[in-house]
Structure formats: structure tokens, C-alpha cells
C-alpha atoms as a PDB file:
ATOM      1  CA  MET A   1      50.882  16.863   9.413  1.00  0.00           C
ATOM      2  CA  THR A   2      53.898  14.829  10.163  1.00  0.00           C
ATOM      3  CA  GLN A   3      54.319  13.270   6.653  1.00  0.00           C
ATOM      4  CA  ALA A   4      54.157  16.805   5.157  1.00  0.00           C
ATOM      5  CA  ILE A   5      57.044  18.231   7.296  1.00  0.00           C
ATOM      6  CA  ALA A   6      59.317  15.397   8.097  1.00  0.00           C
ATOM      7  CA  PRO A   7      61.238  15.522   5.034  1.00  0.00           C
ATOM      8  CA  ILE A   8      62.628  19.191   5.827  1.00  0.00           C
ATOM      9  CA  LEU A   9      63.227  18.171   9.413  1.00  0.00           C
ATOM     10  CA  ASN A  10      66.691  17.376  10.904  1.00  0.00           C
ATOM     11  CA  LEU A  11      65.791  17.147  14.447  1.00  0.00           C
ATOM     12  CA  ASN A  12      67.952  16.391  17.407  1.00  0.00           C
ATOM     13  CA  GLN A  13      66.467  14.939  20.498  1.00  0.00           C
ATOM     14  CA  THR A  14      67.662  15.263  24.264  1.00  0.00           C
ATOM     15  CA  ASP A  15      68.296  12.135  26.175  1.00  0.00           C
ATOM     16  CA  SER A  16      64.664  12.732  27.748  1.00  0.00           C
ATOM     17  CA  GLY A  17      63.393  12.400  24.112  1.00  0.00           C
ATOM     18  CA  GLN A  18      62.465  16.060  23.751  1.00  0.00           C
ATOM     19  CA  ILE A  19      63.237  17.495  20.106  1.00  0.00           C
ATOM     20  CA  ALA A  20      66.077  20.070  20.354  1.00  0.00           C
ATOM     21  CA  THR A  21      64.430  23.272  18.857  1.00  0.00           C
ATOM     22  CA  ASN A  22      67.532  25.155  18.275  1.00  0.00           C
ATOM     23  CA  SER A  23      68.247  23.091  15.053  1.00  0.00           C
ATOM     24  CA  VAL A  24      64.509  23.525  13.512  1.00  0.00           C
ATOM     25  CA  GLN A  25      63.951  25.954  10.910  1.00  0.00           C
ATOM     26  CA  PRO A  26      61.583  28.837  12.422  1.00  0.00           C
ATOM     27  CA  GLU A  27      58.940  28.248   9.716  1.00  0.00           C
ATOM     28  CA  VAL A  28      58.686  24.721  10.773  1.00  0.00           C
ATOM     29  CA  LEU A  29      58.346  25.560  14.290  1.00  0.00           C
ATOM     30  CA  GLN A  30      55.511  27.843  13.342  1.00  0.00           C
ATOM     31  CA  ALA A  31      53.811  25.281  11.517  1.00  0.00           C
ATOM     32  CA  ILE A  32      53.979  22.788  14.398  1.00  0.00           C
ATOM     33  CA  ALA A  33      52.770  25.486  16.773  1.00  0.00           C
ATOM     34  CA  LYS A  34      50.063  26.542  14.577  1.00  0.00           C
ATOM     35  CA  ALA A  35      48.898  22.700  14.183  1.00  0.00           C
ATOM     36  CA  LYS A  36      48.905  22.470  18.043  1.00  0.00           C
ATOM     37  CA  ALA A  37      47.060  25.645  18.519  1.00  0.00           C
ATOM     38  CA  LYS A  38      43.137  25.423  19.269  1.00  0.00           C
ATOM     39  CA  PRO A  39      41.516  26.712  15.917  1.00  0.00           C
ATOM     40  CA  GLU A  40      39.536  29.804  16.187  1.00  0.00           C
ATOM     41  CA  ILE A  41      36.120  28.948  15.138  1.00  0.00           C
ATOM     42  CA  VAL A  42      33.402  31.329  14.132  1.00  0.00           C
ATOM     43  CA  TRP A  43      29.865  30.206  13.174  1.00  0.00           C
ATOM     44  CA  GLU A  44      28.678  32.058   9.967  1.00  0.00           C
ATOM     45  CA  SER A  45      26.557  31.568   7.003  1.00  0.00           C
ATOM     46  CA  LEU A  46      28.148  31.091   3.519  1.00  0.00           C
ATOM     47  CA  PRO A  47      29.426  34.274   2.173  1.00  0.00           C
ATOM     48  CA  LYS A  48      27.231  35.238  -0.909  1.00  0.00           C
ATOM     49  CA  ASN A  49      30.238  35.509  -3.155  1.00  0.00           C
ATOM     50  CA  PHE A  50      31.815  32.121  -1.992  1.00  0.00           C
ATOM     51  CA  ILE A  51      31.967  29.814  -4.812  1.00  0.00           C
ATOM     52  CA  LEU A  52      31.238  26.079  -3.798  1.00  0.00           C
ATOM     53  CA  PRO A  53      33.418  23.609  -5.345  1.00  0.00           C
ATOM     54  CA  ASP A  54      31.727  21.658  -7.998  1.00  0.00           C
ATOM     55  CA  ASP A  55      33.198  18.225  -7.158  1.00  0.00           C
ATOM     56  CA  PRO A  56      31.940  15.303  -9.204  1.00  0.00           C
ATOM     57  CA  VAL A  57      30.612  12.279  -7.240  1.00  0.00           C
ATOM     58  CA  GLU A  58      33.087   9.730  -6.599  1.00  0.00           C
ATOM     59  CA  SER A  59      31.055   6.674  -7.894  1.00  0.00           C
ATOM     60  CA  ILE A  60      27.641   5.783  -9.092  1.00  0.00           C
ATOM     61  CA  ALA A  61      27.068   4.303  -5.426  1.00  0.00           C
ATOM     62  CA  GLN A  62      27.387   7.447  -3.785  1.00  0.00           C
ATOM     63  CA  PRO A  63      24.139   9.281  -4.784  1.00  0.00           C
ATOM     64  CA  LEU A  64      22.480   5.888  -4.801  1.00  0.00           C
ATOM     65  CA  LEU A  65      23.407   5.171  -1.269  1.00  0.00           C
ATOM     66  CA  ALA A  66      22.284   8.734  -0.085  1.00  0.00           C
ATOM     67  CA  ALA A  67      18.937   8.402  -1.780  1.00  0.00           C
ATOM     68  CA  ALA A  68      18.121   4.987  -0.558  1.00  0.00           C
ATOM     69  CA  LEU A  69      18.649   6.277   3.056  1.00  0.00           C
ATOM     70  CA  ASN A  70      16.246   9.212   2.554  1.00  0.00           C
ATOM     71  CA  ASP A  71      13.846   7.194   0.694  1.00  0.00           C
ATOM     72  CA  SER A  72      12.904   4.904   3.470  1.00  0.00           C
ATOM     73  CA  LEU A  73      12.701   7.849   5.968  1.00  0.00           C
ATOM     74  CA  GLU A  74      10.430   9.645   3.955  1.00  0.00           C
ATOM     75  CA  ILE A  75       8.214   6.487   3.459  1.00  0.00           C
ATOM     76  CA  ALA A  76       8.205   6.042   7.349  1.00  0.00           C
ATOM     77  CA  LYS A  77       7.345   9.812   7.522  1.00  0.00           C
ATOM     78  CA  LEU A  78      10.245  10.440   9.577  1.00  0.00           C
ATOM     79  CA  VAL A  79      11.263  13.455   7.328  1.00  0.00           C
ATOM     80  CA  THR A  80       9.581  16.613   8.527  1.00  0.00           C
ATOM     81  CA  PRO A  81       9.992  20.211   8.138  1.00  0.00           C
ATOM     82  CA  GLU A  82      12.042  20.522  11.282  1.00  0.00           C
ATOM     83  CA  ARG A  83      14.564  18.052  10.169  1.00  0.00           C
ATOM     84  CA  ILE A  84      17.187  17.962   7.375  1.00  0.00           C
ATOM     85  CA  VAL A  85      18.453  14.884   5.459  1.00  0.00           C
ATOM     86  CA  ALA A  86      20.859  15.958   2.877  1.00  0.00           C
ATOM     87  CA  SER A  87      23.741  14.774   0.737  1.00  0.00           C
ATOM     88  CA  ASN A  88      26.656  16.610  -0.692  1.00  0.00           C
ATOM     89  CA  MET A  89      25.362  19.869   1.047  1.00  0.00           C
ATOM     90  CA  ALA A  90      28.299  22.119   2.159  1.00  0.00           C
ATOM     91  CA  LEU A  91      28.686  22.420   5.904  1.00  0.00           C
ATOM     92  CA  VAL A  92      29.865  25.826   6.501  1.00  0.00           C
ATOM     93  CA  VAL A  93      32.052  27.190   9.498  1.00  0.00           C
ATOM     94  CA  ARG A  94      34.881  30.005   9.536  1.00  0.00           C
ATOM     95  CA  ILE A  95      38.279  28.775  10.826  1.00  0.00           C
ATOM     96  CA  ASN A  96      41.282  31.006  11.416  1.00  0.00           C
ATOM     97  CA  GLN A  97      39.523  33.721   9.492  1.00  0.00           C
ATOM     98  CA  LYS A  98      39.043  31.396   6.453  1.00  0.00           C
ATOM     99  CA  THR A  99      35.501  29.979   5.401  1.00  0.00           C
ATOM    100  CA  ILE A 100      35.829  26.092   5.214  1.00  0.00           C
ATOM    101  CA  VAL A 101      33.138  23.862   3.583  1.00  0.00           C
ATOM    102  CA  LYS A 102      32.918  20.201   3.774  1.00  0.00           C
ATOM    103  CA  ALA A 103      29.954  18.189   2.167  1.00  0.00           C
ATOM    104  CA  PRO A 104      29.240  14.851   3.825  1.00  0.00           C
ATOM    105  CA  ASP A 105      27.989  12.138   1.459  1.00  0.00           C
ATOM    106  CA  TRP A 106      24.817  12.161   3.860  1.00  0.00           C
ATOM    107  CA  PHE A 107      23.924  14.091   7.081  1.00  0.00           C
ATOM    108  CA  TYR A 108      21.023  14.511   9.433  1.00  0.00           C
ATOM    109  CA  VAL A 109      19.887  17.471  11.585  1.00  0.00           C
ATOM    110  CA  ALA A 110      17.367  16.840  14.083  1.00  0.00           C
ATOM    111  CA  LYS A 111      16.175  20.376  14.291  1.00  0.00           C
ATOM    112  CA  VAL A 112      16.622  23.498  12.244  1.00  0.00           C
ATOM    113  CA  ASN A 113      15.490  27.093  12.745  1.00  0.00           C
ATOM    114  CA  SER A 114      12.149  28.229  11.284  1.00  0.00           C
ATOM    115  CA  THR A 115      13.942  30.699   8.794  1.00  0.00           C
ATOM    116  CA  TRP A 116      15.507  27.484   7.086  1.00  0.00           C
ATOM    117  CA  LYS A 117      11.931  26.095   5.929  1.00  0.00           C
ATOM    118  CA  ASN A 118      10.750  26.537   2.592  1.00  0.00           C
ATOM    119  CA  VAL A 119      13.918  27.902   1.124  1.00  0.00           C
ATOM    120  CA  ILE A 120      16.204  26.479  -1.449  1.00  0.00           C
ATOM    121  CA  ARG A 121      19.621  26.406   0.233  1.00  0.00           C
ATOM    122  CA  ARG A 122      22.950  25.793  -0.920  1.00  0.00           C
ATOM    123  CA  SER A 123      24.593  25.076   2.361  1.00  0.00           C
ATOM    124  CA  TYR A 124      24.060  24.584   6.016  1.00  0.00           C
ATOM    125  CA  SER A 125      25.664  26.552   8.755  1.00  0.00           C
ATOM    126  CA  PRO A 126      25.460  24.968  12.275  1.00  0.00           C
ATOM    127  CA  HIS A 127      24.308  27.169  15.100  1.00  0.00           C
ATOM    128  CA  ILE A 128      23.121  29.652  12.815  1.00  0.00           C
ATOM    129  CA  ASP A 129      20.711  27.690  10.597  1.00  0.00           C
ATOM    130  CA  GLY A 130      19.897  25.005  13.498  1.00  0.00           C
ATOM    131  CA  ASP A 131      21.485  22.362  15.420  1.00  0.00           C
ATOM    132  CA  THR A 132      24.829  20.576  14.568  1.00  0.00           C
ATOM    133  CA  PRO A 133      24.241  17.672  12.423  1.00  0.00           C
ATOM    134  CA  ALA A 134      23.468  14.593  14.623  1.00  0.00           C
ATOM    135  CA  ILE A 135      24.884  12.111  11.965  1.00  0.00           C
ATOM    136  CA  ALA A 136      27.341  12.532   9.046  1.00  0.00           C
ATOM    137  CA  MET A 137      28.121   9.670   6.623  1.00  0.00           C
ATOM    138  CA  GLU A 138      30.936   9.229   4.279  1.00  0.00           C
ATOM    139  CA  PHE A 139      31.252   6.418   1.583  1.00  0.00           C
ATOM    140  CA  LEU A 140      34.803   5.495   1.051  1.00  0.00           C
ATOM    141  CA  SER A 141      37.061   7.650  -1.272  1.00  0.00           C
ATOM    142  CA  GLU A 142      40.850   8.040  -1.831  1.00  0.00           C
ATOM    143  CA  GLU A 143      41.080  11.576  -0.959  1.00  0.00           C
ATOM    144  CA  GLU A 144      44.016  12.894   1.033  1.00  0.00           C
ATOM    145  CA  THR A 145      41.705  14.751   3.344  1.00  0.00           C
ATOM    146  CA  GLY A 146      39.230  11.845   3.210  1.00  0.00           C
ATOM    147  CA  GLU A 147      37.118   9.804   5.697  1.00  0.00           C
ATOM    148  CA  TYR A 148      40.028   8.883   8.024  1.00  0.00           C
ATOM    149  CA  SER A 149      41.957  12.025   7.767  1.00  0.00           C
ATOM    150  CA  THR A 150      42.796  13.889  11.081  1.00  0.00           C
ATOM    151  CA  ARG A 151      44.936  16.538   9.275  1.00  0.00           C
ATOM    152  CA  PRO A 152      44.333  19.619  11.636  1.00  0.00           C
ATOM    153  CA  THR A 153      45.528  22.121   9.281  1.00  0.00           C
ATOM    154  CA  TYR A 154      43.785  23.549   6.089  1.00  0.00           C
ATOM    155  CA  PRO A 155      42.172  22.052   4.281  1.00  0.00           C
ATOM    156  CA  TYR A 156      41.480  19.836   7.283  1.00  0.00           C
ATOM    157  CA  GLY A 157      40.683  16.171   7.220  1.00  0.00           C
ATOM    158  CA  LYS A 158      37.059  15.065   7.341  1.00  0.00           C
ATOM    159  CA  MET A 159      37.495  13.019  10.578  1.00  0.00           C
ATOM    160  CA  TYR A 160      39.166  16.088  12.313  1.00  0.00           C
ATOM    161  CA  PHE A 161      36.529  18.543  10.752  1.00  0.00           C
ATOM    162  CA  TYR A 162      33.531  16.312  12.165  1.00  0.00           C
ATOM    163  CA  GLU A 163      35.020  15.558  15.418  1.00  0.00           C
ATOM    164  CA  GLN A 164      37.348  18.777  16.559  1.00  0.00           C
ATOM    165  CA  ILE A 165      35.302  21.573  14.414  1.00  0.00           C
ATOM    166  CA  LEU A 166      31.657  20.695  14.287  1.00  0.00           C
ATOM    167  CA  GLN A 167      31.653  17.867  17.022  1.00  0.00           C
ATOM    168  CA  ILE A 168      29.122  15.837  15.074  1.00  0.00           C
ATOM    169  CA  PRO A 169      27.958  13.219  17.651  1.00  0.00           C
ATOM    170  CA  ILE A 170      28.004  10.066  15.194  1.00  0.00           C
ATOM    171  CA  TYR A 171      30.383   9.762  12.365  1.00  0.00           C
ATOM    172  CA  VAL A 172      29.669   6.863   9.807  1.00  0.00           C
ATOM    173  CA  ILE A 173      32.093   5.418   7.198  1.00  0.00           C
ATOM    174  CA  PHE A 174      30.816   2.823   4.901  1.00  0.00           C
ATOM    175  CA  ASP A 175      32.264   0.810   2.015  1.00  0.00           C
ATOM    176  CA  PRO A 176      29.478  -0.403  -0.450  1.00  0.00           C
ATOM    177  CA  GLU A 177      31.967  -2.860  -2.095  1.00  0.00           C
ATOM    178  CA  ASP A 178      32.497  -5.048   0.917  1.00  0.00           C
ATOM    179  CA  GLY A 179      29.936  -3.875   3.260  1.00  0.00           C
ATOM    180  CA  ARG A 180      32.357  -2.593   5.942  1.00  0.00           C
ATOM    181  CA  LEU A 181      30.309  -0.355   8.356  1.00  0.00           C
ATOM    182  CA  GLU A 182      32.256   1.770  10.816  1.00  0.00           C
ATOM    183  CA  ILE A 183      30.362   3.897  13.395  1.00  0.00           C
ATOM    184  CA  ARG A 184      32.147   6.451  15.549  1.00  0.00           C
ATOM    185  CA  GLN A 185      30.535   8.241  18.539  1.00  0.00           C
ATOM    186  CA  LEU A 186      32.040  11.150  20.516  1.00  0.00           C
ATOM    187  CA  ASP A 187      32.986  10.286  24.133  1.00  0.00           C
ATOM    188  CA  ALA A 188      32.817  12.379  26.996  1.00  0.00           C
ATOM    189  CA  SER A 189      36.330  14.139  26.070  1.00  0.00           C
ATOM    190  CA  GLY A 190      35.168  14.885  22.559  1.00  0.00           C
ATOM    191  CA  LYS A 191      36.838  12.142  20.866  1.00  0.00           C
ATOM    192  CA  TYR A 192      35.651   9.367  18.349  1.00  0.00           C
ATOM    193  CA  ILE A 193      35.364   5.903  19.828  1.00  0.00           C
ATOM    194  CA  LEU A 194      34.669   3.222  17.178  1.00  0.00           C
ATOM    195  CA  GLN A 195      31.367   1.298  18.284  1.00  0.00           C
ATOM    196  CA  SER A 196      30.543  -2.423  18.374  1.00  0.00           C
ATOM    197  CA  LEU A 197      27.723  -3.294  16.197  1.00  0.00           C
ATOM    198  CA  ASP A 198      24.919  -5.750  17.644  1.00  0.00           C
ATOM    199  CA  GLU A 199      24.632  -9.296  16.985  1.00  0.00           C
ATOM    200  CA  ASN A 200      22.664  -8.323  13.590  1.00  0.00           C
ATOM    201  CA  GLY A 201      25.515  -5.867  12.523  1.00  0.00           C
ATOM    202  CA  ARG A 202      23.317  -3.038  13.333  1.00  0.00           C
ATOM    203  CA  TYR A 203      23.913   0.106  15.774  1.00  0.00           C
ATOM    204  CA  PHE A 204      21.109   1.934  17.443  1.00  0.00           C
ATOM    205  CA  ILE A 205      21.323   5.663  16.715  1.00  0.00           C
ATOM    206  CA  GLU A 206      19.353   7.298  19.443  1.00  0.00           C
ATOM    207  CA  SER A 207      19.014  10.675  17.598  1.00  0.00           C
ATOM    208  CA  ILE A 208      16.882   9.272  14.890  1.00  0.00           C
ATOM    209  CA  GLY A 209      15.436   6.217  16.876  1.00  0.00           C
ATOM    210  CA  LEU A 210      16.441   3.631  14.391  1.00  0.00           C
ATOM    211  CA  TYR A 211      18.905   0.987  14.020  1.00  0.00           C
ATOM    212  CA  LEU A 212      21.462   1.345  11.033  1.00  0.00           C
ATOM    213  CA  GLY A 213      22.763  -1.590   9.287  1.00  0.00           C
ATOM    214  CA  THR A 214      23.870  -3.208   6.100  1.00  0.00           C
ATOM    215  CA  TRP A 215      22.014  -5.051   3.449  1.00  0.00           C
ATOM    216  CA  TYR A 216      23.049  -6.687   0.317  1.00  0.00           C
ATOM    217  CA  GLY A 217      20.674  -6.617  -2.608  1.00  0.00           C
ATOM    218  CA  THR A 218      19.453  -4.724  -5.672  1.00  0.00           C
ATOM    219  CA  ARG A 219      17.992  -1.434  -6.033  1.00  0.00           C
ATOM    220  CA  LEU A 220      17.507   0.312  -9.528  1.00  0.00           C
ATOM    221  CA  ASP A 221      19.451  -2.624 -11.087  1.00  0.00           C
ATOM    222  CA  GLN A 222      22.491  -1.849  -8.824  1.00  0.00           C
ATOM    223  CA  THR A 223      23.682  -4.840  -6.659  1.00  0.00           C
ATOM    224  CA  PHE A 224      25.878  -4.176  -3.856  1.00  0.00           C
ATOM    225  CA  HIS A 225      25.959  -3.604  -0.049  1.00  0.00           C
ATOM    226  CA  TRP A 226      23.434  -0.921   1.036  1.00  0.00           C
ATOM    227  CA  LEU A 227      22.847   1.198   4.324  1.00  0.00           C
ATOM    228  CA  ARG A 228      19.364   0.422   5.663  1.00  0.00           C
ATOM    229  CA  TRP A 229      17.341   1.547   8.719  1.00  0.00           C
ATOM    230  CA  TRP A 230      15.560  -0.946  11.174  1.00  0.00           C
ATOM    231  CA  ASP A 231      12.995   0.061  13.653  1.00  0.00           C
ATOM    232  CA  ASN A 232      12.972  -1.015  17.418  1.00  0.00           C
ATOM    233  CA  ALA A 233      10.991  -4.220  16.793  1.00  0.00           C
ATOM    234  CA  GLY A 234      13.686  -5.319  14.021  1.00  0.00           C
ATOM    235  CA  ASN A 235      11.380  -4.216  11.073  1.00  0.00           C
ATOM    236  CA  LEU A 236      13.250  -3.098   7.921  1.00  0.00           C
ATOM    237  CA  LEU A 237      12.210   0.382   6.838  1.00  0.00           C
ATOM    238  CA  LEU A 238      11.043  -0.206   3.081  1.00  0.00           C
ATOM    239  CA  TRP A 239      11.972   1.815   0.088  1.00  0.00           C
ATOM    240  CA  GLY A 240       9.240   3.151  -1.940  1.00  0.00           C
ATOM    241  CA  THR A 241       9.613   0.404  -4.665  1.00  0.00           C
ATOM    242  CA  GLU A 242       9.435  -2.314  -1.943  1.00  0.00           C
ATOM    243  CA  LYS A 243       6.518  -0.756  -0.314  1.00  0.00           C
ATOM    244  CA  LEU A 244       4.774  -0.478  -3.639  1.00  0.00           C
ATOM    245  CA  ALA A 245       5.631  -4.281  -4.274  1.00  0.00           C
ATOM    246  CA  GLN A 246       4.261  -5.254  -0.845  1.00  0.00           C
ATOM    247  CA  GLU A 247       1.152  -3.139  -1.289  1.00  0.00           C
ATOM    248  CA  ARG A 248       0.661  -4.877  -4.724  1.00  0.00           C
ATOM    249  CA  GLN A 249       1.192  -8.300  -3.107  1.00  0.00           C
ATOM    250  CA  LEU A 250      -1.450  -7.267  -0.339  1.00  0.00           C
ATOM    251  CA  LEU A 251      -3.730  -6.173  -2.988  1.00  0.00           C
ATOM    252  CA  GLU A 252      -3.248  -9.343  -5.054  1.00  0.00           C
ATOM    253  CA  ALA A 253      -3.731 -11.340  -1.983  1.00  0.00           C
ATOM    254  CA  GLU A 254      -6.902  -9.493  -1.071  1.00  0.00           C
ATOM    255  CA  LYS A 255      -8.240  -9.949  -4.653  1.00  0.00           C
ATOM    256  CA  GLN A 256      -7.646 -13.616  -4.316  1.00  0.00           C
ATOM    257  CA  ARG A 257      -9.424 -13.891  -0.994  1.00  0.00           C
ATOM    258  CA  ALA A 258     -12.173 -11.913  -2.440  1.00  0.00           C
ATOM    259  CA  GLU A 259     -12.474 -14.242  -5.241  1.00  0.00           C
ATOM    260  CA  ALA A 260     -12.190 -17.098  -2.873  1.00  0.00           C
ATOM    261  CA  GLU A 261     -14.963 -15.593  -0.785  1.00  0.00           C
ATOM    262  CA  LYS A 262     -17.120 -15.105  -4.097  1.00  0.00           C
ATOM    263  CA  GLN A 263     -16.565 -18.715  -5.002  1.00  0.00           C
ATOM    264  CA  ARG A 264     -17.574 -19.853  -1.544  1.00  0.00           C
ATOM    265  CA  ALA A 265     -20.775 -17.912  -1.727  1.00  0.00           C
ATOM    266  CA  GLU A 266     -21.362 -18.903  -5.090  1.00  0.00           C
ATOM    267  CA  THR A 267     -20.983 -22.579  -3.870  1.00  0.00           C
ATOM    268  CA  GLU A 268     -23.162 -21.767  -0.933  1.00  0.00           C
ATOM    269  CA  LYS A 269     -25.776 -20.134  -3.131  1.00  0.00           C
ATOM    270  CA  GLN A 270     -25.605 -23.303  -5.423  1.00  0.00           C
ATOM    271  CA  ARG A 271     -25.919 -25.524  -2.440  1.00  0.00           C
ATOM    272  CA  ALA A 272     -28.882 -23.658  -1.208  1.00  0.00           C
ATOM    273  CA  GLU A 273     -30.617 -23.810  -4.446  1.00  0.00           C
ATOM    274  CA  ALA A 274     -29.969 -27.634  -4.395  1.00  0.00           C
ATOM    275  CA  GLU A 275     -31.418 -27.748  -0.898  1.00  0.00           C
ATOM    276  CA  LYS A 276     -34.253 -25.805  -1.869  1.00  0.00           C
ATOM    277  CA  GLN A 277     -34.818 -27.944  -5.009  1.00  0.00           C
ATOM    278  CA  ARG A 278     -34.636 -31.097  -2.707  1.00  0.00           C
ATOM    279  CA  ALA A 279     -37.089 -29.585  -0.279  1.00  0.00           C
ATOM    280  CA  GLU A 280     -39.409 -28.732  -3.214  1.00  0.00           C
ATOM    281  CA  THR A 281     -38.962 -32.134  -4.463  1.00  0.00           C
ATOM    282  CA  GLU A 282     -39.570 -33.553  -1.174  1.00  0.00           C
ATOM    283  CA  LYS A 283     -42.632 -31.532  -0.769  1.00  0.00           C
ATOM    284  CA  GLN A 284     -43.832 -32.711  -4.280  1.00  0.00           C
ATOM    285  CA  ARG A 285     -43.318 -36.160  -3.050  1.00  0.00           C
ATOM    286  CA  ALA A 286     -44.981 -35.502   0.064  1.00  0.00           C
ATOM    287  CA  GLU A 287     -47.992 -34.216  -1.835  1.00  0.00           C
ATOM    288  CA  ALA A 288     -47.968 -36.953  -4.144  1.00  0.00           C
ATOM    289  CA  GLU A 289     -47.835 -39.357  -1.146  1.00  0.00           C
ATOM    290  CA  LYS A 290     -50.733 -37.494   0.364  1.00  0.00           C
ATOM    291  CA  GLN A 291     -52.763 -37.441  -2.962  1.00  0.00           C
ATOM    292  CA  ARG A 292     -52.092 -41.329  -3.239  1.00  0.00           C
ATOM    293  CA  ALA A 293     -53.232 -41.989   0.251  1.00  0.00           C
ATOM    294  CA  GLU A 294     -56.213 -39.899  -0.434  1.00  0.00           C
ATOM    295  CA  THR A 295     -56.785 -41.746  -3.603  1.00  0.00           C
ATOM    296  CA  GLU A 296     -56.449 -45.102  -1.812  1.00  0.00           C
ATOM    297  CA  LYS A 297     -58.615 -44.001   0.839  1.00  0.00           C
ATOM    298  CA  GLN A 298     -61.302 -42.941  -1.497  1.00  0.00           C
ATOM    299  CA  ARG A 299     -60.717 -46.327  -3.295  1.00  0.00           C
ATOM    300  CA  ALA A 300     -61.173 -48.068  -0.110  1.00  0.00           C
ATOM    301  CA  ASP A 301     -64.326 -46.174   0.871  1.00  0.00           C
ATOM    302  CA  ASP A 302     -65.777 -46.822  -2.480  1.00  0.00           C
ATOM    303  CA  ALA A 303     -64.974 -50.310  -2.192  1.00  0.00           C
ATOM    304  CA  GLU A 304     -66.681 -50.566   1.195  1.00  0.00           C
ATOM    305  CA  GLN A 305     -69.740 -48.597   0.029  1.00  0.00           C
ATOM    306  CA  GLU A 306     -69.914 -51.153  -2.714  1.00  0.00           C
ATOM    307  CA  ILE A 307     -69.708 -54.128  -0.537  1.00  0.00           C
ATOM    308  CA  LEU A 308     -72.466 -52.398   1.604  1.00  0.00           C
ATOM    309  CA  ARG A 309     -74.570 -52.063  -1.373  1.00  0.00           C
ATOM    310  CA  LEU A 310     -74.123 -55.655  -2.417  1.00  0.00           C
ATOM    311  CA  ARG A 311     -74.990 -56.736   1.033  1.00  0.00           C
ATOM    312  CA  GLN A 312     -78.053 -54.502   1.133  1.00  0.00           C
ATOM    313  CA  LEU A 313     -79.112 -55.992  -2.219  1.00  0.00           C
ATOM    314  CA  LEU A 314     -78.705 -59.746  -1.004  1.00  0.00           C
ATOM    315  CA  ALA A 315     -80.546 -58.983   2.036  1.00  0.00           C
ATOM    316  CA  GLU A 316     -83.512 -57.658   0.031  1.00  0.00           C
ATOM    317  CA  LYS A 317     -83.724 -61.016  -1.874  1.00  0.00           C
END
């Protein structure tokens, strides 16, 4: 606001540093007073005749980042009918008798009204459709009313809108080019305070029960910094493609384990067959030995009988 009106001001200051308003144009004083005045906020649904701006996405990364955030939440079954995860959907509020919409690159609502379910919507109205978004995210752009703007007048800066109007508890600004992640949280006075990340470069977001952090890698042939979710145990929530790859690896490992088990069973079967064959051979050898012993005994018996016969013959002579 200061940059917008400074060129037309020629303000005199008193010794105490106060602006001497007698030299300020009335319309400028009105603008200053309007900027300082608390805005009149009315929660309403999007008027049926309101034409939403058809703004193009600012980079190829924007929809990919939002989709990646949703993907892992869906895989982890954290997206339910009572919750909203959305990107570039208009958040609607009436400020000073004018309908204002802002479409975060991504936002999350923990609880919506039952009337919201199973209906295709163009917008979301806090306090009408459900809770105020718990998280809003913006991926860096170069708009005048962009991520860092605290402009308190129409069309309102995004940071001002999320902090002072909607009072969204968590505001995330992320730059996919260099991986810079800034997370602001409302303090008790309703002001955003930049938060410190933990030793892993992550921040625990209580409303969703997960850690948010950055990860550098490739998804859909696009390599840059991504926003990712981690659970309390430090496990990365996987994307669908990663989950599928993991399941394939597990399936392949199970297949190899089953093949190894089959091979082990076959080897055991062959060993058992060999043992059976050895036992059979041993049995046959024992049978042969028994037969040989019996034959030898019979031969000995026959020899003894022959000796007795010969002795008897000699005795008779």
C-alpha cells in the first residue's frame, strides 16, 4: 500500500514524527483510513453468476506438485469423504461488500459439511461448506499479490488474505527450483510466525498428523524438489508408482523365495530318493549277505554230513 500512494504524497512531519495531515489530499487520507480499518467479512457461497478467473498455471511444476501431495495421501487412505484436498479451487469470502476469491495451489480441510459430499464444486466457502482450511500452500510465482504480499486492500495479498481474512493456521510457501520450504503458523495474536524445521528439514503438521518436507528426485520424468509426507515413525508416504514398484519388488522377492523353496524341496526329494536307494541297496546287500551266509552254512552242513558219511563207511570196513 505504501508503494502505491507514496509518489503522490508530500507529507510534513511534526517534531514528534507524526504526519501533518493538513497537507495530505483527502482521497489519500481516505485510502489510508480504509487500509487501516478492519475489513467487513461475510461468509457466503459463490454467487451463481460469479465468473471465476481462468488463470493458467504458472509452471509445469504447479499441478505436478499438488497431484503428488494428493497421491501419497490417497494411497495411505488419508483422504476421506469428510476431508478435502484440493488445488487451484477458489476459496470464497465477501469483503467490504465485494466477493473475493483466492485459489491456493493446494489446501486441506479437515472436516466438511455433509452437503458438500458427492457434489462437483467450483469453490469452497469456509464456515458455509465446512471448516476453515487447516493448511494452504503456494508454489512461488511473481504476482504482485503473490505469496508474500500483505496488501490489505483489493485484490488483497495472499499472505494477508490467508492470515487476516481466512485465518488459515498453516501457510506453506515452497520453491521447487531450489527446494526452499517456508512454513508459517498463526500465533495467539493471529499473526503468521515462520517456523523452524527439524533436523531432517521437516515440520510436523498436527491437523493432518504427518511431517511435511522436501525430497529431490524424479516423478513423471520431471526432476526437481518435491513436497513429501512422512509419518511419525519417519517412513516416507509412497506415491502410487512407488507403491506399485515396491509391490512388484516384493512379488519378485516372493517369487524368488518360492523358487528357492521349490529347489530346496526338489533337492530334499532327490536326497530322500538317494537315501531310499542307498537303503534299498543296503537291504539288497544284507539280503545277499544273508543268502551267502545261508549258502555257506548249507555248504558247511553238507560238508559235515559228508565227513560223517565217510567216517561211517570207514567204520563199517
